[in-house]
Amino acid sequence: MYRRRLPAYRRANPAATLIRMVILGALLGAAFIAADRIQNRPAAAPPPTLRSILTLAPTLPPPTAAPATEAAPTAVPLASLLIPTAGVNANVVAVYLGSVSWDVSALGSNVGHLEGTAWFGSPGNIGLAGHAELSDGRPGIFAGIDQLTPGDPIILMQGGREQRYRVREVRWVEPQDLTVLYPTTTEQMTLITCDDYSFMQNAYLERIAVIADRVA
């Protein structure tokens, strides 16, 4: 029985071996340098949170509010309003609708006719607004309308003409609820003012709406 002869190995070439060692050393050196850089690299900063974004975002100073005037000397009276049981005897001036709501900043001690609502001599819902409190803390022209009761008279006068109304109800509504000022097919008047001021929120939490029907 014969043993299989193993192939003889060729003698190694010294030059080729040296080249392979140089290449292997270069690869190992590059890998070591890359690993060292990764290990010593500073940790990446975490992504900014919403709080930090809001804190770092530039802010504009709040606009300086113009001082409220207690009367509107340039406003031309449209009519006058008389509510004997609430102590109201005041001029009615125009209050114009802005981009969000009616601008009553210069209303002062006047009563404001809300632009877009019905007016003297036409059917519909006449919307009238007044302050419950003035900027200096004094009671506003509509400070006492929450004391009105059904049957109380309201008189709107323009020149020598009068339109008389009687209170139907006094209602408290949310500040965003303007349904009380919606148009109507009957002749009525809606008085509206703010109520229930919150110092914590710096806002009024309710509105008082007095709804009256025309009787003459």
N, C-alpha and C. Protein backbone atom coordinates (compact mmCIF):
# COMPACT_ATOMS: atom_id res chain seq x y z
N MET A 1 0.86 -1.19 0.00
CA MET A 1 0.00 0.00 0.00
C MET A 1 0.88 1.21 0.00
N TYR A 2 0.59 2.15 -0.93
CA TYR A 2 1.43 3.34 -1.10
C TYR A 2 0.80 4.53 -0.36
N ARG A 3 1.65 5.37 0.28
CA ARG A 3 1.23 6.61 0.93
C ARG A 3 1.22 7.73 -0.10
N ARG A 4 0.11 8.57 -0.04
CA ARG A 4 -0.01 9.67 -1.01
C ARG A 4 1.02 10.74 -0.69
N ARG A 5 1.75 11.17 -1.71
CA ARG A 5 2.78 12.19 -1.52
C ARG A 5 2.15 13.57 -1.50
N LEU A 6 2.49 14.34 -0.51
CA LEU A 6 2.00 15.73 -0.41
C LEU A 6 2.76 16.61 -1.37
N PRO A 7 2.07 17.61 -1.95
CA PRO A 7 2.75 18.49 -2.90
C PRO A 7 3.81 19.32 -2.18
N ALA A 8 4.85 19.52 -2.83
CA ALA A 8 5.95 20.31 -2.25
C ALA A 8 5.61 21.79 -2.33
N TYR A 9 5.86 22.53 -1.22
CA TYR A 9 5.63 23.97 -1.19
C TYR A 9 6.75 24.69 -1.91
N ARG A 10 6.27 25.78 -2.64
CA ARG A 10 7.28 26.56 -3.32
C ARG A 10 7.97 27.48 -2.33
N ARG A 11 9.20 27.78 -2.55
CA ARG A 11 9.97 28.64 -1.67
C ARG A 11 9.41 30.07 -1.74
N ALA A 12 9.20 30.67 -0.56
CA ALA A 12 8.64 32.03 -0.52
C ALA A 12 9.58 33.04 -1.10
N ASN A 13 8.94 34.08 -1.78
CA ASN A 13 9.70 35.18 -2.37
C ASN A 13 9.88 36.26 -1.31
N PRO A 14 11.09 36.59 -0.88
CA PRO A 14 11.29 37.59 0.18
C PRO A 14 10.71 38.96 -0.16
N ALA A 15 10.83 39.40 -1.40
CA ALA A 15 10.32 40.75 -1.77
C ALA A 15 8.81 40.83 -1.64
N ALA A 16 8.11 39.79 -2.08
CA ALA A 16 6.64 39.79 -1.98
C ALA A 16 6.20 39.77 -0.54
N THR A 17 6.92 39.02 0.30
CA THR A 17 6.57 38.97 1.72
C THR A 17 6.71 40.34 2.36
N LEU A 18 7.77 41.05 2.03
CA LEU A 18 7.98 42.39 2.58
C LEU A 18 6.88 43.36 2.18
N ILE A 19 6.46 43.30 0.94
CA ILE A 19 5.39 44.19 0.46
C ILE A 19 4.10 43.92 1.21
N ARG A 20 3.78 42.61 1.41
CA ARG A 20 2.55 42.27 2.13
C ARG A 20 2.58 42.77 3.57
N MET A 21 3.76 42.68 4.20
CA MET A 21 3.87 43.16 5.58
C MET A 21 3.70 44.67 5.67
N VAL A 22 4.25 45.40 4.70
CA VAL A 22 4.10 46.86 4.69
C VAL A 22 2.63 47.26 4.54
N ILE A 23 1.95 46.59 3.62
CA ILE A 23 0.53 46.90 3.40
C ILE A 23 -0.29 46.58 4.64
N LEU A 24 -0.04 45.41 5.27
CA LEU A 24 -0.77 45.02 6.47
C LEU A 24 -0.52 46.01 7.61
N GLY A 25 0.73 46.46 7.73
CA GLY A 25 1.03 47.45 8.78
C GLY A 25 0.32 48.76 8.56
N ALA A 26 0.26 49.19 7.30
CA ALA A 26 -0.44 50.44 6.99
C ALA A 26 -1.92 50.34 7.34
N LEU A 27 -2.55 49.21 7.02
CA LEU A 27 -3.97 49.02 7.32
C LEU A 27 -4.22 49.01 8.82
N LEU A 28 -3.34 48.31 9.57
CA LEU A 28 -3.50 48.29 11.02
C LEU A 28 -3.32 49.67 11.63
N GLY A 29 -2.37 50.43 11.12
CA GLY A 29 -2.14 51.78 11.64
C GLY A 29 -3.35 52.69 11.38
N ALA A 30 -3.93 52.61 10.18
CA ALA A 30 -5.10 53.43 9.87
C ALA A 30 -6.28 53.06 10.75
N ALA A 31 -6.45 51.75 11.01
CA ALA A 31 -7.56 51.32 11.87
C ALA A 31 -7.36 51.82 13.30
N PHE A 32 -6.13 51.82 13.79
CA PHE A 32 -5.85 52.29 15.16
C PHE A 32 -6.15 53.79 15.28
N ILE A 33 -5.71 54.57 14.29
CA ILE A 33 -5.97 56.03 14.32
C ILE A 33 -7.46 56.32 14.30
N ALA A 34 -8.23 55.60 13.47
CA ALA A 34 -9.69 55.83 13.39
C ALA A 34 -10.36 55.48 14.70
N ALA A 35 -9.94 54.37 15.33
CA ALA A 35 -10.54 53.98 16.60
C ALA A 35 -10.24 55.00 17.69
N ASP A 36 -9.01 55.55 17.68
CA ASP A 36 -8.64 56.54 18.69
C ASP A 36 -9.47 57.81 18.53
N ARG A 37 -9.71 58.24 17.30
CA ARG A 37 -10.51 59.45 17.06
C ARG A 37 -11.96 59.26 17.52
N ILE A 38 -12.51 58.08 17.24
CA ILE A 38 -13.88 57.81 17.65
C ILE A 38 -14.01 57.80 19.16
N GLN A 39 -12.99 57.23 19.84
CA GLN A 39 -13.04 57.14 21.30
C GLN A 39 -12.94 58.50 21.96
N ASN A 40 -12.13 59.40 21.39
CA ASN A 40 -11.90 60.72 22.00
C ASN A 40 -12.81 61.82 21.46
N ARG A 41 -13.71 61.46 20.57
CA ARG A 41 -14.60 62.47 19.99
C ARG A 41 -15.57 62.95 21.07
N PRO A 42 -15.81 64.29 21.22
CA PRO A 42 -16.75 64.79 22.23
C PRO A 42 -18.17 64.34 21.92
N ALA A 43 -18.92 64.09 22.97
CA ALA A 43 -20.30 63.63 22.79
C ALA A 43 -21.13 64.68 22.09
N ALA A 44 -21.97 64.24 21.17
CA ALA A 44 -22.83 65.18 20.44
C ALA A 44 -23.87 65.76 21.37
N ALA A 45 -24.14 67.04 21.19
CA ALA A 45 -25.15 67.71 22.02
C ALA A 45 -26.52 67.15 21.72
N PRO A 46 -27.36 66.94 22.74
CA PRO A 46 -28.71 66.40 22.50
C PRO A 46 -29.54 67.40 21.71
N PRO A 47 -30.51 66.92 20.96
CA PRO A 47 -31.35 67.84 20.19
C PRO A 47 -32.09 68.78 21.11
N PRO A 48 -32.28 70.04 20.71
CA PRO A 48 -32.94 71.02 21.58
C PRO A 48 -34.37 70.64 21.86
N THR A 49 -34.77 70.84 23.09
CA THR A 49 -36.16 70.57 23.46
C THR A 49 -37.02 71.77 23.11
N LEU A 50 -38.34 71.57 23.20
CA LEU A 50 -39.26 72.66 22.91
C LEU A 50 -39.04 73.82 23.86
N ARG A 51 -38.73 73.50 25.15
CA ARG A 51 -38.52 74.57 26.12
C ARG A 51 -37.31 75.43 25.73
N SER A 52 -36.20 74.74 25.33
CA SER A 52 -35.01 75.52 24.98
C SER A 52 -35.23 76.34 23.73
N ILE A 53 -35.99 75.80 22.79
CA ILE A 53 -36.27 76.56 21.58
C ILE A 53 -37.07 77.82 21.92
N LEU A 54 -38.06 77.65 22.79
CA LEU A 54 -38.86 78.81 23.16
C LEU A 54 -38.05 79.80 23.97
N THR A 55 -37.11 79.30 24.78
CA THR A 55 -36.32 80.19 25.62
C THR A 55 -35.33 80.99 24.78
N LEU A 56 -34.75 80.32 23.79
CA LEU A 56 -33.71 80.98 23.01
C LEU A 56 -34.27 81.80 21.86
N ALA A 57 -35.51 81.55 21.51
CA ALA A 57 -36.09 82.29 20.39
C ALA A 57 -36.20 83.76 20.75
N PRO A 58 -35.82 84.64 19.84
CA PRO A 58 -35.95 86.08 20.15
C PRO A 58 -37.41 86.48 20.29
N THR A 59 -37.68 87.32 21.24
CA THR A 59 -39.04 87.79 21.47
C THR A 59 -39.08 89.29 21.32
N LEU A 60 -40.21 89.77 20.88
CA LEU A 60 -40.42 91.21 20.74
C LEU A 60 -41.07 91.74 21.99
N PRO A 61 -40.72 92.95 22.40
CA PRO A 61 -41.38 93.51 23.58
C PRO A 61 -42.84 93.74 23.30
N PRO A 62 -43.72 93.56 24.30
CA PRO A 62 -45.14 93.78 24.08
C PRO A 62 -45.41 95.21 23.67
N PRO A 63 -46.36 95.42 22.77
CA PRO A 63 -46.66 96.79 22.35
C PRO A 63 -47.16 97.61 23.51
N THR A 64 -46.78 98.85 23.53
CA THR A 64 -47.23 99.75 24.58
C THR A 64 -48.67 100.13 24.33
N ALA A 65 -49.51 99.82 25.28
CA ALA A 65 -50.94 100.10 25.12
C ALA A 65 -51.20 101.58 25.27
N ALA A 66 -51.99 102.11 24.38
CA ALA A 66 -52.36 103.51 24.49
C ALA A 66 -53.30 103.68 25.66
N PRO A 67 -53.13 104.75 26.42
CA PRO A 67 -54.01 104.94 27.58
C PRO A 67 -55.45 105.08 27.14
N ALA A 68 -56.33 104.36 27.85
CA ALA A 68 -57.74 104.42 27.50
C ALA A 68 -58.31 105.78 27.88
N THR A 69 -59.10 106.30 27.00
CA THR A 69 -59.73 107.59 27.29
C THR A 69 -61.10 107.33 27.88
N GLU A 70 -61.50 108.17 28.79
CA GLU A 70 -62.78 107.99 29.45
C GLU A 70 -63.93 108.56 28.63
N ALA A 71 -63.61 109.21 27.56
CA ALA A 71 -64.62 109.72 26.65
C ALA A 71 -64.02 109.75 25.26
N ALA A 72 -64.83 109.71 24.27
CA ALA A 72 -64.35 109.76 22.90
C ALA A 72 -64.73 111.10 22.30
N PRO A 73 -63.84 112.11 22.45
CA PRO A 73 -64.22 113.45 22.03
C PRO A 73 -64.43 113.58 20.53
N THR A 74 -63.78 112.70 19.75
CA THR A 74 -63.93 112.80 18.31
C THR A 74 -65.12 111.99 17.79
N ALA A 75 -65.71 111.17 18.66
CA ALA A 75 -66.84 110.35 18.24
C ALA A 75 -68.10 111.20 18.15
N VAL A 76 -68.79 111.04 17.05
CA VAL A 76 -70.04 111.78 16.85
C VAL A 76 -71.20 110.94 17.38
N PRO A 77 -71.96 111.44 18.32
CA PRO A 77 -73.10 110.66 18.84
C PRO A 77 -74.10 110.33 17.74
N LEU A 78 -74.49 109.08 17.70
CA LEU A 78 -75.51 108.64 16.76
C LEU A 78 -76.90 108.77 17.34
N ALA A 79 -76.99 108.58 18.65
CA ALA A 79 -78.28 108.62 19.35
C ALA A 79 -77.96 108.69 20.84
N SER A 80 -78.96 108.53 21.66
CA SER A 80 -78.76 108.46 23.12
C SER A 80 -79.60 107.31 23.66
N LEU A 81 -79.13 106.74 24.79
CA LEU A 81 -79.77 105.58 25.39
C LEU A 81 -80.17 105.92 26.81
N LEU A 82 -81.40 105.60 27.16
CA LEU A 82 -81.93 105.86 28.50
C LEU A 82 -82.45 104.55 29.09
N ILE A 83 -81.88 104.18 30.25
CA ILE A 83 -82.37 103.00 31.00
C ILE A 83 -82.57 103.47 32.44
N PRO A 84 -83.75 103.92 32.79
CA PRO A 84 -83.96 104.53 34.12
C PRO A 84 -83.59 103.62 35.27
N THR A 85 -83.96 102.36 35.23
CA THR A 85 -83.73 101.47 36.38
C THR A 85 -82.26 101.06 36.54
N ALA A 86 -81.42 101.31 35.53
CA ALA A 86 -79.99 101.00 35.63
C ALA A 86 -79.15 102.26 35.71
N GLY A 87 -79.79 103.44 35.74
CA GLY A 87 -79.05 104.69 35.84
C GLY A 87 -78.25 105.01 34.60
N VAL A 88 -78.73 104.61 33.44
CA VAL A 88 -78.01 104.85 32.18
C VAL A 88 -78.68 105.99 31.42
N ASN A 89 -77.89 107.00 31.10
CA ASN A 89 -78.31 108.10 30.24
C ASN A 89 -77.05 108.55 29.51
N ALA A 90 -76.82 108.01 28.32
CA ALA A 90 -75.54 108.20 27.66
C ALA A 90 -75.69 108.32 26.16
N ASN A 91 -74.65 108.89 25.54
CA ASN A 91 -74.59 108.94 24.08
C ASN A 91 -74.25 107.56 23.52
N VAL A 92 -74.77 107.32 22.32
CA VAL A 92 -74.43 106.10 21.58
C VAL A 92 -73.54 106.50 20.41
N VAL A 93 -72.34 105.90 20.37
CA VAL A 93 -71.39 106.19 19.29
C VAL A 93 -71.10 104.91 18.51
N ALA A 94 -70.49 105.06 17.36
CA ALA A 94 -70.19 103.90 16.51
C ALA A 94 -68.97 103.16 17.03
N VAL A 95 -69.07 101.85 17.07
CA VAL A 95 -67.93 100.97 17.40
C VAL A 95 -67.72 100.06 16.19
N TYR A 96 -66.51 100.14 15.64
CA TYR A 96 -66.25 99.45 14.38
C TYR A 96 -65.63 98.07 14.60
N LEU A 97 -65.92 97.19 13.68
CA LEU A 97 -65.44 95.81 13.74
C LEU A 97 -64.03 95.73 13.21
N GLY A 98 -63.10 95.17 14.02
CA GLY A 98 -61.72 94.99 13.59
C GLY A 98 -61.50 93.62 13.01
N SER A 99 -60.23 93.16 13.02
CA SER A 99 -59.91 91.88 12.42
C SER A 99 -60.41 90.70 13.26
N VAL A 100 -60.57 90.92 14.58
CA VAL A 100 -61.01 89.85 15.46
C VAL A 100 -62.36 90.15 16.09
N SER A 101 -62.52 91.35 16.61
CA SER A 101 -63.76 91.71 17.28
C SER A 101 -63.95 93.21 17.17
N TRP A 102 -64.91 93.74 17.90
CA TRP A 102 -65.15 95.18 17.88
C TRP A 102 -64.14 95.90 18.77
N ASP A 103 -63.68 97.05 18.32
CA ASP A 103 -62.70 97.82 19.07
C ASP A 103 -63.43 98.78 20.00
N VAL A 104 -63.42 98.45 21.29
CA VAL A 104 -64.10 99.28 22.29
C VAL A 104 -63.09 100.01 23.17
N SER A 105 -61.81 100.09 22.72
CA SER A 105 -60.76 100.65 23.55
C SER A 105 -61.00 102.14 23.86
N ALA A 106 -61.64 102.87 22.96
CA ALA A 106 -61.86 104.30 23.17
C ALA A 106 -63.32 104.61 23.49
N LEU A 107 -64.04 103.61 23.94
CA LEU A 107 -65.47 103.81 24.18
C LEU A 107 -65.72 104.71 25.38
N GLY A 108 -64.90 104.57 26.41
CA GLY A 108 -65.07 105.41 27.59
C GLY A 108 -66.42 105.24 28.24
N SER A 109 -67.08 106.36 28.53
CA SER A 109 -68.38 106.34 29.20
C SER A 109 -69.54 106.35 28.22
N ASN A 110 -69.24 106.19 26.95
CA ASN A 110 -70.30 106.12 25.95
C ASN A 110 -70.82 104.69 25.82
N VAL A 111 -71.95 104.57 25.17
CA VAL A 111 -72.47 103.27 24.74
C VAL A 111 -72.10 103.12 23.27
N GLY A 112 -71.65 101.94 22.89
CA GLY A 112 -71.21 101.73 21.51
C GLY A 112 -72.18 100.89 20.71
N HIS A 113 -72.54 101.40 19.52
CA HIS A 113 -73.33 100.59 18.60
C HIS A 113 -72.39 99.71 17.81
N LEU A 114 -72.56 98.40 17.89
CA LEU A 114 -71.66 97.44 17.27
C LEU A 114 -71.92 97.36 15.77
N GLU A 115 -70.90 97.72 15.01
CA GLU A 115 -71.02 97.71 13.56
C GLU A 115 -71.47 96.34 13.06
N GLY A 116 -72.39 96.34 12.12
CA GLY A 116 -72.90 95.09 11.54
C GLY A 116 -74.21 94.64 12.14
N THR A 117 -74.58 95.21 13.29
CA THR A 117 -75.89 94.88 13.87
C THR A 117 -76.92 95.89 13.38
N ALA A 118 -78.19 95.59 13.62
CA ALA A 118 -79.26 96.48 13.14
C ALA A 118 -79.16 97.86 13.79
N TRP A 119 -79.91 98.81 13.24
CA TRP A 119 -79.84 100.17 13.78
C TRP A 119 -81.22 100.81 13.77
N PHE A 120 -81.24 102.02 14.24
CA PHE A 120 -82.47 102.78 14.43
C PHE A 120 -83.30 102.81 13.14
N GLY A 121 -84.58 102.47 13.27
CA GLY A 121 -85.49 102.55 12.13
C GLY A 121 -85.51 101.32 11.25
N SER A 122 -84.73 100.27 11.58
CA SER A 122 -84.74 99.07 10.76
C SER A 122 -84.97 97.85 11.64
N PRO A 123 -85.61 96.81 11.11
CA PRO A 123 -85.85 95.61 11.92
C PRO A 123 -84.55 94.85 12.16
N GLY A 124 -84.56 94.05 13.20
CA GLY A 124 -83.38 93.24 13.49
C GLY A 124 -82.92 93.42 14.92
N ASN A 125 -81.70 92.97 15.19
CA ASN A 125 -81.13 92.97 16.53
C ASN A 125 -80.10 94.09 16.66
N ILE A 126 -80.40 95.11 17.44
CA ILE A 126 -79.47 96.21 17.67
C ILE A 126 -78.52 95.80 18.79
N GLY A 127 -77.22 95.77 18.50
CA GLY A 127 -76.22 95.40 19.50
C GLY A 127 -75.56 96.63 20.08
N LEU A 128 -75.64 96.80 21.39
CA LEU A 128 -75.05 97.94 22.08
C LEU A 128 -74.12 97.42 23.18
N ALA A 129 -72.91 97.97 23.23
CA ALA A 129 -71.92 97.54 24.22
C ALA A 129 -71.53 98.71 25.11
N GLY A 130 -71.13 98.38 26.33
CA GLY A 130 -70.66 99.40 27.26
C GLY A 130 -69.74 98.76 28.29
N HIS A 131 -68.85 99.58 28.87
CA HIS A 131 -67.93 99.05 29.88
C HIS A 131 -68.66 98.86 31.21
N ALA A 132 -68.28 97.78 31.90
CA ALA A 132 -68.75 97.58 33.27
C ALA A 132 -67.86 98.31 34.25
N GLU A 133 -66.60 98.54 33.86
CA GLU A 133 -65.63 99.24 34.71
C GLU A 133 -64.68 100.02 33.82
N LEU A 134 -64.36 101.25 34.23
CA LEU A 134 -63.43 102.08 33.47
C LEU A 134 -62.00 101.76 33.86
N SER A 135 -61.06 102.27 33.09
CA SER A 135 -59.65 101.96 33.32
C SER A 135 -59.14 102.46 34.66
N ASP A 136 -59.77 103.49 35.22
CA ASP A 136 -59.34 104.02 36.51
C ASP A 136 -60.08 103.37 37.69
N GLY A 137 -60.89 102.36 37.40
CA GLY A 137 -61.59 101.64 38.46
C GLY A 137 -62.99 102.12 38.73
N ARG A 138 -63.40 103.23 38.14
CA ARG A 138 -64.76 103.71 38.35
C ARG A 138 -65.76 102.82 37.61
N PRO A 139 -67.00 102.76 38.10
CA PRO A 139 -68.01 101.97 37.40
C PRO A 139 -68.24 102.49 35.98
N GLY A 140 -68.39 101.57 35.05
CA GLY A 140 -68.68 101.94 33.68
C GLY A 140 -70.16 102.17 33.47
N ILE A 141 -70.51 102.57 32.25
CA ILE A 141 -71.88 102.94 31.94
C ILE A 141 -72.83 101.75 32.07
N PHE A 142 -72.32 100.52 31.87
CA PHE A 142 -73.16 99.33 31.96
C PHE A 142 -72.89 98.54 33.24
N ALA A 143 -72.40 99.20 34.28
CA ALA A 143 -72.08 98.51 35.53
C ALA A 143 -73.31 97.91 36.19
N GLY A 144 -74.49 98.49 35.95
CA GLY A 144 -75.68 98.04 36.65
C GLY A 144 -76.68 97.28 35.81
N ILE A 145 -76.32 96.90 34.58
CA ILE A 145 -77.34 96.25 33.74
C ILE A 145 -77.64 94.82 34.21
N ASP A 146 -76.75 94.25 35.06
CA ASP A 146 -77.05 92.92 35.57
C ASP A 146 -78.21 92.93 36.57
N GLN A 147 -78.59 94.14 37.02
CA GLN A 147 -79.70 94.26 37.96
C GLN A 147 -81.04 94.46 37.26
N LEU A 148 -81.02 94.57 35.94
CA LEU A 148 -82.28 94.72 35.20
C LEU A 148 -83.12 93.46 35.32
N THR A 149 -84.43 93.64 35.27
CA THR A 149 -85.37 92.52 35.36
C THR A 149 -86.36 92.60 34.21
N PRO A 150 -86.98 91.48 33.87
CA PRO A 150 -87.97 91.50 32.78
C PRO A 150 -89.04 92.57 33.01
N GLY A 151 -89.31 93.34 31.93
CA GLY A 151 -90.29 94.41 32.00
C GLY A 151 -89.69 95.78 32.14
N ASP A 152 -88.40 95.89 32.53
CA ASP A 152 -87.77 97.20 32.67
C ASP A 152 -87.68 97.88 31.31
N PRO A 153 -87.91 99.22 31.27
CA PRO A 153 -87.91 99.92 29.99
C PRO A 153 -86.51 100.32 29.54
N ILE A 154 -86.32 100.36 28.23
CA ILE A 154 -85.11 100.87 27.59
C ILE A 154 -85.57 101.76 26.44
N ILE A 155 -84.99 102.96 26.34
CA ILE A 155 -85.42 103.92 25.32
C ILE A 155 -84.21 104.33 24.49
N LEU A 156 -84.32 104.17 23.19
CA LEU A 156 -83.29 104.63 22.25
C LEU A 156 -83.84 105.86 21.54
N MET A 157 -83.12 106.97 21.62
CA MET A 157 -83.60 108.25 21.08
C MET A 157 -82.63 108.78 20.03
N GLN A 158 -83.22 109.24 18.94
CA GLN A 158 -82.44 109.85 17.86
C GLN A 158 -83.21 111.06 17.35
N GLY A 159 -82.66 112.24 17.61
CA GLY A 159 -83.39 113.46 17.26
C GLY A 159 -84.67 113.53 18.06
N GLY A 160 -85.78 113.68 17.39
CA GLY A 160 -87.07 113.73 18.08
C GLY A 160 -87.80 112.40 18.08
N ARG A 161 -87.13 111.33 17.65
CA ARG A 161 -87.79 110.03 17.56
C ARG A 161 -87.33 109.13 18.69
N GLU A 162 -88.18 108.19 19.05
CA GLU A 162 -87.87 107.23 20.10
C GLU A 162 -88.25 105.82 19.66
N GLN A 163 -87.46 104.86 20.12
CA GLN A 163 -87.81 103.45 20.01
C GLN A 163 -87.75 102.87 21.42
N ARG A 164 -88.89 102.33 21.87
CA ARG A 164 -88.99 101.83 23.25
C ARG A 164 -88.94 100.30 23.27
N TYR A 165 -88.25 99.80 24.28
CA TYR A 165 -88.07 98.36 24.44
C TYR A 165 -88.38 97.98 25.88
N ARG A 166 -88.65 96.69 26.07
CA ARG A 166 -88.81 96.14 27.42
C ARG A 166 -87.91 94.92 27.56
N VAL A 167 -87.24 94.83 28.70
CA VAL A 167 -86.31 93.72 28.94
C VAL A 167 -87.08 92.40 28.94
N ARG A 168 -86.55 91.45 28.18
CA ARG A 168 -87.12 90.10 28.17
C ARG A 168 -86.37 89.17 29.11
N GLU A 169 -85.02 89.24 29.07
CA GLU A 169 -84.21 88.38 29.93
C GLU A 169 -82.81 88.95 30.09
N VAL A 170 -82.17 88.53 31.18
CA VAL A 170 -80.76 88.84 31.42
C VAL A 170 -80.02 87.50 31.42
N ARG A 171 -78.99 87.41 30.58
CA ARG A 171 -78.33 86.13 30.37
C ARG A 171 -76.81 86.29 30.53
N TRP A 172 -76.17 85.27 31.14
CA TRP A 172 -74.71 85.23 31.21
C TRP A 172 -74.20 84.22 30.18
N VAL A 173 -73.23 84.66 29.38
CA VAL A 173 -72.72 83.81 28.30
C VAL A 173 -71.20 83.77 28.37
N GLU A 174 -70.63 82.79 27.68
CA GLU A 174 -69.17 82.70 27.58
C GLU A 174 -68.64 83.88 26.78
N PRO A 175 -67.37 84.29 27.04
CA PRO A 175 -66.82 85.45 26.31
C PRO A 175 -66.82 85.28 24.79
N GLN A 176 -66.68 84.04 24.31
CA GLN A 176 -66.65 83.80 22.86
C GLN A 176 -68.04 83.61 22.26
N ASP A 177 -69.06 83.58 23.08
CA ASP A 177 -70.41 83.32 22.60
C ASP A 177 -71.05 84.62 22.12
N LEU A 178 -71.14 84.77 20.80
CA LEU A 178 -71.74 85.97 20.22
C LEU A 178 -73.11 85.68 19.60
N THR A 179 -73.68 84.55 19.94
CA THR A 179 -74.97 84.21 19.36
C THR A 179 -76.06 85.21 19.78
N VAL A 180 -75.86 85.85 20.94
CA VAL A 180 -76.87 86.82 21.38
C VAL A 180 -76.91 88.04 20.48
N LEU A 181 -75.89 88.23 19.65
CA LEU A 181 -75.84 89.37 18.73
C LEU A 181 -76.23 88.99 17.30
N TYR A 182 -76.64 87.76 17.10
CA TYR A 182 -77.02 87.33 15.76
C TYR A 182 -78.24 88.12 15.27
N PRO A 183 -78.38 88.28 13.95
CA PRO A 183 -79.56 88.97 13.40
C PRO A 183 -80.85 88.26 13.77
N THR A 184 -81.89 89.03 13.90
CA THR A 184 -83.22 88.48 14.19
C THR A 184 -84.22 89.04 13.19
N THR A 185 -85.34 88.35 13.04
CA THR A 185 -86.40 88.85 12.16
C THR A 185 -87.31 89.82 12.89
N THR A 186 -87.26 89.80 14.21
CA THR A 186 -88.06 90.73 15.01
C THR A 186 -87.19 91.90 15.46
N GLU A 187 -87.83 92.96 15.93
CA GLU A 187 -87.09 94.12 16.42
C GLU A 187 -86.73 93.91 17.89
N GLN A 188 -85.45 93.81 18.15
CA GLN A 188 -85.01 93.65 19.53
C GLN A 188 -83.69 94.40 19.73
N MET A 189 -83.29 94.53 20.97
CA MET A 189 -82.04 95.18 21.33
C MET A 189 -81.30 94.26 22.30
N THR A 190 -79.97 94.16 22.13
CA THR A 190 -79.14 93.38 23.03
C THR A 190 -78.05 94.28 23.60
N LEU A 191 -78.05 94.43 24.92
CA LEU A 191 -77.00 95.15 25.62
C LEU A 191 -75.98 94.12 26.09
N ILE A 192 -74.68 94.43 25.95
CA ILE A 192 -73.66 93.46 26.32
C ILE A 192 -72.50 94.15 27.02
N THR A 193 -71.99 93.49 28.06
CA THR A 193 -70.82 93.99 28.78
C THR A 193 -70.08 92.82 29.39
N CYS A 194 -68.89 93.09 29.94
CA CYS A 194 -68.07 92.03 30.53
C CYS A 194 -68.41 91.85 32.00
N ASP A 195 -68.10 90.63 32.51
CA ASP A 195 -68.38 90.34 33.91
C ASP A 195 -67.41 89.26 34.40
N ASP A 196 -67.29 89.16 35.73
CA ASP A 196 -66.49 88.13 36.40
C ASP A 196 -65.03 88.23 35.98
N TYR A 197 -64.36 89.31 36.41
CA TYR A 197 -62.96 89.51 36.06
C TYR A 197 -62.07 88.60 36.90
N SER A 198 -61.08 87.96 36.26
CA SER A 198 -60.12 87.09 36.94
C SER A 198 -58.76 87.76 36.95
N PHE A 199 -58.25 88.06 38.15
CA PHE A 199 -56.92 88.66 38.25
C PHE A 199 -55.85 87.65 37.84
N MET A 200 -56.07 86.38 38.10
CA MET A 200 -55.09 85.36 37.73
C MET A 200 -54.92 85.26 36.22
N GLN A 201 -56.03 85.34 35.50
CA GLN A 201 -55.99 85.21 34.04
C GLN A 201 -55.96 86.56 33.33
N ASN A 202 -56.14 87.64 34.09
CA ASN A 202 -56.19 88.98 33.52
C ASN A 202 -57.20 89.04 32.37
N ALA A 203 -58.38 88.52 32.64
CA ALA A 203 -59.41 88.47 31.61
C ALA A 203 -60.77 88.34 32.28
N TYR A 204 -61.81 88.75 31.54
CA TYR A 204 -63.19 88.54 31.99
C TYR A 204 -63.63 87.14 31.56
N LEU A 205 -64.29 86.46 32.46
CA LEU A 205 -64.66 85.08 32.21
C LEU A 205 -66.08 84.93 31.66
N GLU A 206 -66.88 85.99 31.74
CA GLU A 206 -68.26 85.93 31.26
C GLU A 206 -68.66 87.27 30.64
N ARG A 207 -69.76 87.22 29.93
CA ARG A 207 -70.41 88.44 29.44
C ARG A 207 -71.86 88.44 29.91
N ILE A 208 -72.34 89.63 30.20
CA ILE A 208 -73.76 89.81 30.53
C ILE A 208 -74.47 90.30 29.28
N ALA A 209 -75.55 89.66 28.93
CA ALA A 209 -76.36 90.06 27.78
C ALA A 209 -77.78 90.33 28.25
N VAL A 210 -78.23 91.55 28.00
CA VAL A 210 -79.61 91.93 28.31
C VAL A 210 -80.37 91.99 26.99
N ILE A 211 -81.41 91.18 26.88
CA ILE A 211 -82.18 91.10 25.63
C ILE A 211 -83.54 91.76 25.87
N ALA A 212 -83.87 92.71 24.99
CA ALA A 212 -85.11 93.47 25.13
C ALA A 212 -85.84 93.47 23.80
N ASP A 213 -87.20 93.44 23.87
CA ASP A 213 -88.04 93.48 22.67
C ASP A 213 -88.65 94.86 22.51
N ARG A 214 -88.80 95.27 21.27
CA ARG A 214 -89.40 96.58 21.01
C ARG A 214 -90.91 96.54 21.29
N VAL A 215 -91.38 97.59 21.94
CA VAL A 215 -92.80 97.67 22.27
C VAL A 215 -93.45 98.90 21.63
N ALA A 216 -92.69 99.87 21.20
CA ALA A 216 -93.26 101.06 20.57
C ALA A 216 -92.19 101.77 19.73
